[in-house]
């Protein structure tokens, strides 16, 4: 009996020790799949084939490139919202029509390494908030609890703006008894 208790204690200790080992890249969401089926979200329906009026208008074949019926959800969303989908293929150049906006947004300076700085800070944050040993062992989702202090209370913010007399057309109208 004593041997069995000792073996169980060792097994439990080994399990906890393995659970305490964290991956290099902490994951707060812990969403996994067993990999036994297709990724239904990765399947995008193609657009219907069309025969152009003039076959000379067809672009030359581009192995590894895109084709005319391949879906491009980002470009489709930009076009649906009234934007210019060509900005996706522009290669980083800023059009003259946006130069004033860029100048205004960068009036206090621009950090060229901001993406790397934010990635390093977020990695450090996730390493610090990746959950307790049993949460990691049982792959409990700790994402929302970790980022809760950074979340915006949308209702309080809406009330703050309403109290300042600023309207928001996308916000629901004030309820009965609420002041505008």
C-alpha atoms as a PDB file:
ATOM      1  CA  UNK A   1       0.000   0.000   0.000  1.00  0.00           C
ATOM      2  CA  UNK A   2       2.836   2.364   0.863  1.00  0.00           C
ATOM      3  CA  UNK A   3       4.472   1.594  -2.509  1.00  0.00           C
ATOM      4  CA  UNK A   4       1.242   2.399  -4.339  1.00  0.00           C
ATOM      5  CA  UNK A   5       0.922   5.754  -2.567  1.00  0.00           C
ATOM      6  CA  UNK A   6       4.541   6.565  -3.364  1.00  0.00           C
ATOM      7  CA  UNK A   7       4.048   5.612  -7.037  1.00  0.00           C
ATOM      8  CA  UNK A   8       0.890   7.767  -7.242  1.00  0.00           C
ATOM      9  CA  UNK A   9       2.708  10.693  -5.621  1.00  0.00           C
ATOM     10  CA  UNK A  10       5.581  10.359  -8.103  1.00  0.00           C
ATOM     11  CA  UNK A  11       3.154  10.104 -11.040  1.00  0.00           C
ATOM     12  CA  UNK A  12       1.224  13.171  -9.845  1.00  0.00           C
ATOM     13  CA  UNK A  13       4.459  15.092  -9.271  1.00  0.00           C
ATOM     14  CA  UNK A  14       5.699  14.184 -12.767  1.00  0.00           C
ATOM     15  CA  UNK A  15       2.377  15.264 -14.285  1.00  0.00           C
ATOM     16  CA  UNK A  16       2.479  18.622 -12.503  1.00  0.00           C
ATOM     17  CA  UNK A  17       6.140  19.099 -13.451  1.00  0.00           C
ATOM     18  CA  UNK A  18       5.382  18.407 -17.112  1.00  0.00           C
ATOM     19  CA  UNK A  19       2.404  20.729 -16.950  1.00  0.00           C
ATOM     20  CA  UNK A  20       4.615  23.466 -15.555  1.00  0.00           C
ATOM     21  CA  UNK A  21       6.859  23.265 -18.593  1.00  0.00           C
ATOM     22  CA  UNK A  22       5.591  25.978 -20.845  1.00  0.00           C
ATOM     23  CA  UNK A  23       6.159  26.348 -24.573  1.00  0.00           C
ATOM     24  CA  UNK A  24       8.503  29.054 -25.840  1.00  0.00           C
ATOM     25  CA  UNK A  25       5.515  30.923 -27.245  1.00  0.00           C
ATOM     26  CA  UNK A  26       2.795  31.082 -24.555  1.00  0.00           C
ATOM     27  CA  UNK A  27      -0.714  30.499 -25.824  1.00  0.00           C
ATOM     28  CA  UNK A  28      -3.571  31.992 -23.872  1.00  0.00           C
ATOM     29  CA  UNK A  29      -6.472  30.717 -25.980  1.00  0.00           C
ATOM     30  CA  UNK A  30      -5.522  26.992 -25.989  1.00  0.00           C
ATOM     31  CA  UNK A  31      -7.722  26.141 -28.947  1.00  0.00           C
ATOM     32  CA  UNK A  32      -6.793  22.896 -30.609  1.00  0.00           C
ATOM     33  CA  UNK A  33      -8.189  20.448 -33.118  1.00  0.00           C
ATOM     34  CA  UNK A  34      -7.673  16.742 -33.336  1.00  0.00           C
ATOM     35  CA  UNK A  35      -6.841  17.089 -37.036  1.00  0.00           C
ATOM     36  CA  UNK A  36      -9.247  14.375 -38.202  1.00  0.00           C
ATOM     37  CA  UNK A  37     -11.235  16.489 -40.628  1.00  0.00           C
ATOM     38  CA  UNK A  38     -10.997  19.343 -43.118  1.00  0.00           C
ATOM     39  CA  UNK A  39     -10.760  22.953 -42.051  1.00  0.00           C
ATOM     40  CA  UNK A  40     -14.150  24.188 -43.203  1.00  0.00           C
ATOM     41  CA  UNK A  41     -13.095  27.783 -42.599  1.00  0.00           C
ATOM     42  CA  UNK A  42     -10.102  27.368 -44.918  1.00  0.00           C
ATOM     43  CA  UNK A  43     -12.297  26.494 -47.896  1.00  0.00           C
ATOM     44  CA  UNK A  44     -13.251  29.534 -49.936  1.00  0.00           C
ATOM     45  CA  UNK A  45     -15.647  29.216 -52.851  1.00  0.00           C
ATOM     46  CA  UNK A  46     -14.246  30.471 -56.116  1.00  0.00           C
ATOM     47  CA  UNK A  47     -15.974  33.015 -58.289  1.00  0.00           C
ATOM     48  CA  UNK A  48     -17.730  31.684 -61.402  1.00  0.00           C
ATOM     49  CA  UNK A  49     -15.605  31.350 -64.515  1.00  0.00           C
ATOM     50  CA  UNK A  50     -16.152  34.051 -67.104  1.00  0.00           C
ATOM     51  CA  UNK A  51     -15.154  34.232 -70.720  1.00  0.00           C
ATOM     52  CA  UNK A  52     -13.886  37.737 -71.529  1.00  0.00           C
ATOM     53  CA  UNK A  53     -15.129  39.553 -74.620  1.00  0.00           C
ATOM     54  CA  UNK A  54     -11.586  39.744 -75.942  1.00  0.00           C
ATOM     55  CA  UNK A  55      -9.224  36.853 -75.182  1.00  0.00           C
ATOM     56  CA  UNK A  56      -6.256  39.161 -75.783  1.00  0.00           C
ATOM     57  CA  UNK A  57      -7.211  40.897 -72.506  1.00  0.00           C
ATOM     58  CA  UNK A  58      -6.317  37.812 -70.485  1.00  0.00           C
ATOM     59  CA  UNK A  59      -3.152  38.231 -68.439  1.00  0.00           C
ATOM     60  CA  UNK A  60      -0.254  35.887 -69.238  1.00  0.00           C
ATOM     61  CA  UNK A  61      -0.021  32.729 -67.103  1.00  0.00           C
ATOM     62  CA  UNK A  62       1.775  33.300 -63.808  1.00  0.00           C
ATOM     63  CA  UNK A  63       2.759  30.030 -62.075  1.00  0.00           C
ATOM     64  CA  UNK A  64       2.270  30.453 -58.348  1.00  0.00           C
ATOM     65  CA  UNK A  65       0.377  33.708 -58.841  1.00  0.00           C
ATOM     66  CA  UNK A  66      -3.303  34.427 -58.447  1.00  0.00           C
ATOM     67  CA  UNK A  67      -6.014  33.876 -60.999  1.00  0.00           C
ATOM     68  CA  UNK A  68      -9.109  35.864 -61.881  1.00  0.00           C
ATOM     69  CA  UNK A  69     -11.573  33.573 -60.061  1.00  0.00           C
ATOM     70  CA  UNK A  70      -9.538  33.197 -56.869  1.00  0.00           C
ATOM     71  CA  UNK A  71     -11.340  34.864 -53.965  1.00  0.00           C
ATOM     72  CA  UNK A  72      -9.671  37.774 -52.228  1.00  0.00           C
ATOM     73  CA  UNK A  73     -11.772  38.515 -49.130  1.00  0.00           C
ATOM     74  CA  UNK A  74      -9.722  41.550 -48.098  1.00  0.00           C
ATOM     75  CA  UNK A  75     -10.050  43.221 -51.505  1.00  0.00           C
ATOM     76  CA  UNK A  76     -13.752  42.309 -51.639  1.00  0.00           C
ATOM     77  CA  UNK A  77     -14.320  43.881 -48.204  1.00  0.00           C
ATOM     78  CA  UNK A  78     -12.441  47.040 -49.180  1.00  0.00           C
ATOM     79  CA  UNK A  79     -14.497  47.342 -52.374  1.00  0.00           C
ATOM     80  CA  UNK A  80     -17.773  46.683 -50.507  1.00  0.00           C
ATOM     81  CA  UNK A  81     -16.940  49.503 -48.080  1.00  0.00           C
ATOM     82  CA  UNK A  82     -16.262  51.928 -50.932  1.00  0.00           C
ATOM     83  CA  UNK A  83     -12.477  51.737 -50.890  1.00  0.00           C
ATOM     84  CA  UNK A  84      -9.930  51.001 -53.559  1.00  0.00           C
ATOM     85  CA  UNK A  85      -8.814  47.326 -53.511  1.00  0.00           C
ATOM     86  CA  UNK A  86      -5.676  48.264 -55.471  1.00  0.00           C
ATOM     87  CA  UNK A  87      -4.125  49.519 -52.220  1.00  0.00           C
ATOM     88  CA  UNK A  88      -3.443  45.895 -51.293  1.00  0.00           C
ATOM     89  CA  UNK A  89      -1.027  45.482 -54.219  1.00  0.00           C
ATOM     90  CA  UNK A  90       0.551  48.914 -54.041  1.00  0.00           C
ATOM     91  CA  UNK A  91       3.630  47.677 -52.166  1.00  0.00           C
ATOM     92  CA  UNK A  92       3.682  50.088 -49.246  1.00  0.00           C
ATOM     93  CA  UNK A  93       3.625  53.369 -51.124  1.00  0.00           C
ATOM     94  CA  UNK A  94       1.263  55.985 -49.757  1.00  0.00           C
ATOM     95  CA  UNK A  95      -1.023  57.579 -52.348  1.00  0.00           C
ATOM     96  CA  UNK A  96      -1.004  61.365 -52.610  1.00  0.00           C
ATOM     97  CA  UNK A  97      -4.637  61.451 -51.476  1.00  0.00           C
ATOM     98  CA  UNK A  98      -3.608  59.998 -48.099  1.00  0.00           C
ATOM     99  CA  UNK A  99      -0.448  62.025 -47.536  1.00  0.00           C
ATOM    100  CA  UNK A 100      -2.230  64.653 -45.390  1.00  0.00           C
ATOM    101  CA  UNK A 101      -3.706  61.971 -43.145  1.00  0.00           C
ATOM    102  CA  UNK A 102      -0.321  60.254 -42.750  1.00  0.00           C
ATOM    103  CA  UNK A 103       1.381  63.581 -42.011  1.00  0.00           C
ATOM    104  CA  UNK A 104      -1.210  64.411 -39.337  1.00  0.00           C
ATOM    105  CA  UNK A 105      -1.081  60.939 -37.759  1.00  0.00           C
ATOM    106  CA  UNK A 106       2.717  61.043 -37.542  1.00  0.00           C
ATOM    107  CA  UNK A 107       3.004  64.629 -36.287  1.00  0.00           C
ATOM    108  CA  UNK A 108       4.474  63.502 -32.945  1.00  0.00           C
ATOM    109  CA  UNK A 109       6.974  61.146 -34.545  1.00  0.00           C
ATOM    110  CA  UNK A 110       6.969  57.584 -35.740  1.00  0.00           C
ATOM    111  CA  UNK A 111       8.849  54.652 -34.240  1.00  0.00           C
ATOM    112  CA  UNK A 112       9.987  52.470 -37.160  1.00  0.00           C
ATOM    113  CA  UNK A 113      10.406  49.466 -34.821  1.00  0.00           C
ATOM    114  CA  UNK A 114       6.953  49.708 -33.241  1.00  0.00           C
ATOM    115  CA  UNK A 115       5.845  46.272 -34.453  1.00  0.00           C
ATOM    116  CA  UNK A 116       8.904  44.565 -32.971  1.00  0.00           C
ATOM    117  CA  UNK A 117       8.585  46.513 -29.709  1.00  0.00           C
ATOM    118  CA  UNK A 118       4.897  45.619 -29.336  1.00  0.00           C
ATOM    119  CA  UNK A 119       5.553  41.969 -30.214  1.00  0.00           C
ATOM    120  CA  UNK A 120       8.272  41.726 -27.545  1.00  0.00           C
ATOM    121  CA  UNK A 121       6.078  43.447 -24.929  1.00  0.00           C
ATOM    122  CA  UNK A 122       3.125  41.188 -25.739  1.00  0.00           C
ATOM    123  CA  UNK A 123       5.314  38.066 -25.534  1.00  0.00           C
ATOM    124  CA  UNK A 124       6.534  39.158 -22.092  1.00  0.00           C
ATOM    125  CA  UNK A 125       2.936  39.861 -21.026  1.00  0.00           C
ATOM    126  CA  UNK A 126       1.735  36.450 -22.243  1.00  0.00           C
ATOM    127  CA  UNK A 127       4.610  34.675 -20.500  1.00  0.00           C
ATOM    128  CA  UNK A 128       3.627  36.379 -17.255  1.00  0.00           C
ATOM    129  CA  UNK A 129      -0.125  35.694 -17.651  1.00  0.00           C
ATOM    130  CA  UNK A 130      -0.170  32.235 -19.230  1.00  0.00           C
ATOM    131  CA  UNK A 131      -2.085  30.699 -16.349  1.00  0.00           C
ATOM    132  CA  UNK A 132      -1.450  28.490 -13.402  1.00  0.00           C
ATOM    133  CA  UNK A 133       0.044  25.008 -13.644  1.00  0.00           C
ATOM    134  CA  UNK A 134      -3.281  23.167 -13.792  1.00  0.00           C
ATOM    135  CA  UNK A 135      -4.698  25.674 -16.275  1.00  0.00           C
ATOM    136  CA  UNK A 136      -1.766  24.958 -18.584  1.00  0.00           C
ATOM    137  CA  UNK A 137      -1.990  21.229 -17.937  1.00  0.00           C
ATOM    138  CA  UNK A 138      -5.692  21.086 -18.819  1.00  0.00           C
ATOM    139  CA  UNK A 139      -5.370  23.762 -21.520  1.00  0.00           C
ATOM    140  CA  UNK A 140      -7.850  26.142 -19.917  1.00  0.00           C
ATOM    141  CA  UNK A 141      -8.566  29.337 -21.826  1.00  0.00           C
ATOM    142  CA  UNK A 142      -7.016  32.226 -19.864  1.00  0.00           C
ATOM    143  CA  UNK A 143      -7.004  34.800 -22.689  1.00  0.00           C
ATOM    144  CA  UNK A 144      -9.970  36.896 -21.529  1.00  0.00           C
ATOM    145  CA  UNK A 145      -8.880  36.948 -17.885  1.00  0.00           C
ATOM    146  CA  UNK A 146      -5.333  37.980 -18.864  1.00  0.00           C
ATOM    147  CA  UNK A 147      -6.431  40.886 -21.068  1.00  0.00           C
ATOM    148  CA  UNK A 148      -9.456  41.992 -18.955  1.00  0.00           C
ATOM    149  CA  UNK A 149      -7.631  45.019 -17.428  1.00  0.00           C
ATOM    150  CA  UNK A 150      -6.995  46.334 -20.955  1.00  0.00           C
ATOM    151  CA  UNK A 151     -10.569  45.959 -22.193  1.00  0.00           C
ATOM    152  CA  UNK A 152     -12.659  49.040 -22.889  1.00  0.00           C
ATOM    153  CA  UNK A 153     -15.971  49.255 -21.038  1.00  0.00           C
ATOM    154  CA  UNK A 154     -18.035  50.256 -24.036  1.00  0.00           C
ATOM    155  CA  UNK A 155     -21.118  51.237 -22.047  1.00  0.00           C
ATOM    156  CA  UNK A 156     -19.212  53.487 -19.638  1.00  0.00           C
ATOM    157  CA  UNK A 157     -17.339  55.087 -22.548  1.00  0.00           C
ATOM    158  CA  UNK A 158     -20.597  55.723 -24.408  1.00  0.00           C
ATOM    159  CA  UNK A 159     -22.054  57.363 -21.311  1.00  0.00           C
ATOM    160  CA  UNK A 160     -18.927  59.492 -20.884  1.00  0.00           C
ATOM    161  CA  UNK A 161     -19.265  60.799 -24.449  1.00  0.00           C
ATOM    162  CA  UNK A 162     -23.013  61.337 -24.107  1.00  0.00           C
ATOM    163  CA  UNK A 163     -22.452  63.295 -20.881  1.00  0.00           C
ATOM    164  CA  UNK A 164     -19.980  65.483 -22.783  1.00  0.00           C
ATOM    165  CA  UNK A 165     -22.713  66.191 -25.348  1.00  0.00           C
ATOM    166  CA  UNK A 166     -21.100  64.229 -28.172  1.00  0.00           C
ATOM    167  CA  UNK A 167     -23.438  62.036 -30.186  1.00  0.00           C
ATOM    168  CA  UNK A 168     -22.509  58.762 -31.815  1.00  0.00           C
ATOM    169  CA  UNK A 169     -24.622  57.732 -34.775  1.00  0.00           C
ATOM    170  CA  UNK A 170     -23.648  54.060 -34.508  1.00  0.00           C
ATOM    171  CA  UNK A 171     -24.608  53.789 -30.834  1.00  0.00           C
ATOM    172  CA  UNK A 172     -28.119  52.768 -29.870  1.00  0.00           C
ATOM    173  CA  UNK A 173     -30.360  55.663 -28.862  1.00  0.00           C
ATOM    174  CA  UNK A 174     -30.681  56.414 -25.155  1.00  0.00           C
ATOM    175  CA  UNK A 175     -33.211  54.258 -23.337  1.00  0.00           C
ATOM    176  CA  UNK A 176     -36.303  55.720 -21.730  1.00  0.00           C
ATOM    177  CA  UNK A 177     -35.281  57.844 -18.776  1.00  0.00           C
ATOM    178  CA  UNK A 178     -31.692  58.210 -20.026  1.00  0.00           C
ATOM    179  CA  UNK A 179     -30.480  61.635 -20.990  1.00  0.00           C
ATOM    180  CA  UNK A 180     -28.985  62.184 -24.410  1.00  0.00           C
END
